[in-house]
């Protein structure tokens, strides 16, 4: 933390409370997602037991936040909180895969035919190249136009 004194102490006292709140909220979300997954598919992980690594990483990261807060390690709580949120998002991704919209649209059904994707890719490449030339010419024209309108005078000595 980039402070000292009373503000620094106040912030350190808030870390366990805020980290605990984040743990509770995301814990409820993960449990609800597990329950919904089991209800919709009849199977909790669909043979992806390796997916339990991410909830375990969440718990370890949050434990690390509490330990770092107790030991007053300045950089650790931020880094471990980032690990916690990344692991939480990966947990949800593992639980909902292969659905883009849970239990209605899969990755395969959301993908467009290859010809359409190829057309969009090449169209964007051409348009981007044209846009860059257009923007470059506009950017070069602005200083010339501005110089014609602005008269710079020297102060009289």
Protein backbone atom coordinates (compact mmCIF):
# COMPACT_ATOMS: atom_id res chain seq x y z
CA UNK A 1 0.00 0.00 0.00
CA UNK A 2 1.22 3.46 -0.78
CA UNK A 3 0.31 5.17 2.43
CA UNK A 4 1.59 5.45 5.97
CA UNK A 5 0.33 5.99 9.45
CA UNK A 6 -3.35 5.93 10.37
CA UNK A 7 -4.62 5.48 6.80
CA UNK A 8 -2.30 2.51 6.29
CA UNK A 9 -3.50 0.87 9.51
CA UNK A 10 -7.14 1.55 8.63
CA UNK A 11 -6.69 -0.16 5.24
CA UNK A 12 -4.98 -3.19 6.79
CA UNK A 13 -7.86 -3.61 9.22
CA UNK A 14 -10.34 -3.66 6.32
CA UNK A 15 -8.60 -6.38 4.29
CA UNK A 16 -9.96 -9.39 6.25
CA UNK A 17 -13.49 -8.01 6.19
CA UNK A 18 -13.46 -7.26 2.45
CA UNK A 19 -11.68 -10.50 1.55
CA UNK A 20 -14.15 -12.47 3.64
CA UNK A 21 -17.08 -10.77 1.91
CA UNK A 22 -15.62 -11.57 -1.52
CA UNK A 23 -15.07 -15.18 -0.45
CA UNK A 24 -18.67 -15.51 0.73
CA UNK A 25 -20.20 -13.94 -2.39
CA UNK A 26 -18.11 -15.93 -4.87
CA UNK A 27 -18.48 -19.06 -2.74
CA UNK A 28 -22.26 -18.76 -2.98
CA UNK A 29 -21.97 -18.24 -6.76
CA UNK A 30 -19.78 -21.33 -7.20
CA UNK A 31 -22.03 -23.51 -5.03
CA UNK A 32 -25.12 -22.29 -6.91
CA UNK A 33 -23.40 -23.03 -10.23
CA UNK A 34 -22.50 -26.55 -9.04
CA UNK A 35 -26.08 -27.17 -7.93
CA UNK A 36 -27.48 -25.84 -11.21
CA UNK A 37 -25.01 -27.95 -13.19
CA UNK A 38 -26.01 -31.08 -11.31
CA UNK A 39 -29.72 -30.28 -11.74
CA UNK A 40 -29.50 -29.61 -15.48
CA UNK A 41 -27.08 -32.34 -16.54
CA UNK A 42 -27.48 -34.94 -13.82
CA UNK A 43 -23.72 -34.89 -13.29
CA UNK A 44 -21.68 -32.45 -11.28
CA UNK A 45 -18.49 -32.20 -13.34
CA UNK A 46 -19.18 -34.27 -16.48
CA UNK A 47 -16.00 -36.29 -15.89
CA UNK A 48 -13.88 -33.14 -15.50
CA UNK A 49 -12.59 -33.82 -12.02
CA UNK A 50 -9.49 -31.80 -12.82
CA UNK A 51 -11.82 -28.79 -12.73
CA UNK A 52 -11.78 -28.98 -8.92
CA UNK A 53 -8.26 -27.54 -9.07
CA UNK A 54 -9.68 -24.05 -9.59
CA UNK A 55 -11.94 -23.93 -6.52
CA UNK A 56 -9.01 -25.30 -4.51
CA UNK A 57 -6.80 -22.51 -5.93
CA UNK A 58 -9.47 -19.99 -4.91
CA UNK A 59 -9.43 -21.21 -1.33
CA UNK A 60 -5.62 -21.27 -1.18
CA UNK A 61 -5.38 -17.76 -2.63
CA UNK A 62 -7.88 -16.39 -0.12
CA UNK A 63 -6.07 -18.14 2.71
CA UNK A 64 -2.92 -16.43 1.46
CA UNK A 65 -4.69 -13.05 1.54
CA UNK A 66 -5.59 -13.56 5.20
CA UNK A 67 -2.05 -14.68 6.08
CA UNK A 68 -0.50 -11.77 4.17
CA UNK A 69 -2.83 -9.31 5.90
CA UNK A 70 -1.89 -10.70 9.29
CA UNK A 71 1.85 -10.48 8.46
CA UNK A 72 1.43 -7.04 6.79
CA UNK A 73 3.01 -8.02 3.47
CA UNK A 74 2.27 -5.06 1.22
CA UNK A 75 2.17 -6.70 -2.24
CA UNK A 76 0.75 -10.12 -1.43
CA UNK A 77 -2.92 -9.31 -0.80
CA UNK A 78 -3.32 -7.68 -4.22
CA UNK A 79 -1.58 -10.48 -6.12
CA UNK A 80 -3.43 -13.22 -4.27
CA UNK A 81 -6.78 -11.48 -4.74
CA UNK A 82 -6.09 -11.37 -8.49
CA UNK A 83 -5.30 -15.12 -8.40
CA UNK A 84 -8.54 -15.67 -6.47
CA UNK A 85 -10.70 -13.93 -9.09
CA UNK A 86 -8.96 -15.61 -12.04
CA UNK A 87 -9.49 -19.01 -10.39
CA UNK A 88 -13.14 -18.15 -9.73
CA UNK A 89 -13.72 -17.28 -13.40
CA UNK A 90 -11.93 -20.44 -14.51
CA UNK A 91 -14.11 -22.48 -12.13
CA UNK A 92 -17.23 -21.10 -13.75
CA UNK A 93 -15.82 -21.70 -17.23
CA UNK A 94 -15.09 -25.35 -16.41
CA UNK A 95 -18.56 -25.83 -14.99
CA UNK A 96 -20.42 -24.31 -17.95
CA UNK A 97 -18.24 -25.60 -20.80
CA UNK A 98 -19.25 -26.17 -23.68
CA UNK A 99 -22.12 -23.70 -23.27
CA UNK A 100 -21.77 -20.04 -24.29
CA UNK A 101 -25.17 -19.26 -22.78
CA UNK A 102 -25.67 -21.77 -19.98
CA UNK A 103 -27.63 -24.83 -21.08
CA UNK A 104 -29.01 -23.30 -24.27
CA UNK A 105 -26.26 -22.29 -26.78
CA UNK A 106 -23.08 -24.33 -27.16
CA UNK A 107 -19.79 -23.19 -28.64
CA UNK A 108 -20.41 -25.34 -31.71
CA UNK A 109 -23.89 -23.99 -32.36
CA UNK A 110 -22.75 -20.40 -31.83
CA UNK A 111 -19.96 -20.63 -34.41
CA UNK A 112 -20.66 -19.36 -37.91
CA UNK A 113 -19.76 -21.31 -41.05
CA UNK A 114 -16.09 -21.08 -42.02
CA UNK A 115 -16.79 -19.13 -45.23
CA UNK A 116 -18.62 -16.40 -43.31
CA UNK A 117 -15.84 -16.10 -40.76
CA UNK A 118 -13.21 -15.95 -43.50
CA UNK A 119 -15.12 -13.20 -45.30
CA UNK A 120 -15.46 -11.17 -42.10
CA UNK A 121 -11.77 -11.60 -41.30
CA UNK A 122 -10.52 -10.44 -44.71
CA UNK A 123 -13.06 -7.62 -44.87
CA UNK A 124 -11.84 -6.33 -41.52
CA UNK A 125 -8.19 -6.56 -42.60
CA UNK A 126 -8.89 -4.53 -45.75
CA UNK A 127 -11.01 -1.97 -43.90
CA UNK A 128 -8.41 -1.61 -41.15
CA UNK A 129 -5.66 -0.98 -43.69
CA UNK A 130 -7.86 1.62 -45.44
CA UNK A 131 -8.81 3.23 -42.14
CA UNK A 132 -5.18 3.64 -41.16
CA UNK A 133 -4.33 5.41 -44.40
CA UNK A 134 -7.40 7.62 -44.05
CA UNK A 135 -6.65 8.51 -40.43
CA UNK A 136 -3.01 9.14 -41.23
CA UNK A 137 -3.93 11.60 -43.98
CA UNK A 138 -6.39 13.36 -41.67
CA UNK A 139 -3.84 13.58 -38.87
CA UNK A 140 -1.24 15.06 -41.22
CA UNK A 141 -3.75 17.58 -42.58
CA UNK A 142 -4.74 18.95 -39.18
CA UNK A 143 -1.42 20.63 -38.29
CA UNK A 144 -1.26 22.32 -41.72
CA UNK A 145 -4.80 23.66 -41.41
CA UNK A 146 -4.21 24.82 -37.86
CA UNK A 147 -0.96 26.53 -38.83
CA UNK A 148 -2.77 28.51 -41.53
CA UNK A 149 -5.36 29.77 -39.01
CA UNK A 150 -3.06 30.56 -36.11
CA UNK A 151 -0.81 33.57 -36.36
CA UNK A 152 2.16 33.40 -34.08
CA UNK A 153 3.54 36.82 -33.26
CA UNK A 154 6.66 37.70 -31.38
CA UNK A 155 6.38 40.00 -28.41
CA UNK A 156 7.78 43.48 -29.00
CA UNK A 157 11.01 44.21 -27.14
